[in-house]
């Protein structure tokens, strides 16, 4: 598990932070801060691990808690923090299954790139704002190629222009954070599959659509 505490954090953002940490580390996560002398926190879980039951097992160390299988809120006295962290970790370690620690991505729809345009994006915006409880839709597209613009940016990020052969579509800009390991495969002109969010990128007064790639799978067929 992952339990982090900082008395200076804003109570209003700890739920968002917990969700982001689960996305990055894929383990049951609790983010805690101090509010009016009481430690308050927001917890998020991974698939097939009952977070509420785990907190119930630590209830003797908590002032209040509530929620459901995948998300919860809690509060405790500062003097119970160390024992709570130890107890929660013991419960997670003894009950979580190995498959629950393997990251998965839920795909909302499989589409071709030619379907992505301003009209399509305007329809998506009807379902916003996106965030915890209403996550941005995740799409999948198979057999894509880079249009010769692949490059590494930052530490390990990929900047691409994606297209599908024989689909009559123009290349679409894409960014893939922390997926630089796929650069050598992609730059050689090999096909690959992607799952992604669709976002609007504003630059110098011009709005364009961009794919934010969550994962890449090599097409070895």
Foldseek 3Di string as FASTA:
>chain_A
DEEEEDQPDDPVCQQQVQVVVCLVQVAWYKYWYDDPQKIKIKIFHFPPAAPVVLVVVVVVQFPDKDDTRGIIMTIGHPVSVVVSVVSSVVSCVVPPDPVRRDDDDDAPEEDAPQVDDPVVVVVQCVQDDAGVVRHFHKYKYFFKAFPQPWDADDPQKIWTFIHHPPPPDGTATEIEPNPNVCRVVRNVGFTKMFMFGWDWDDDPNDIGIYTYTDDIGGDPD
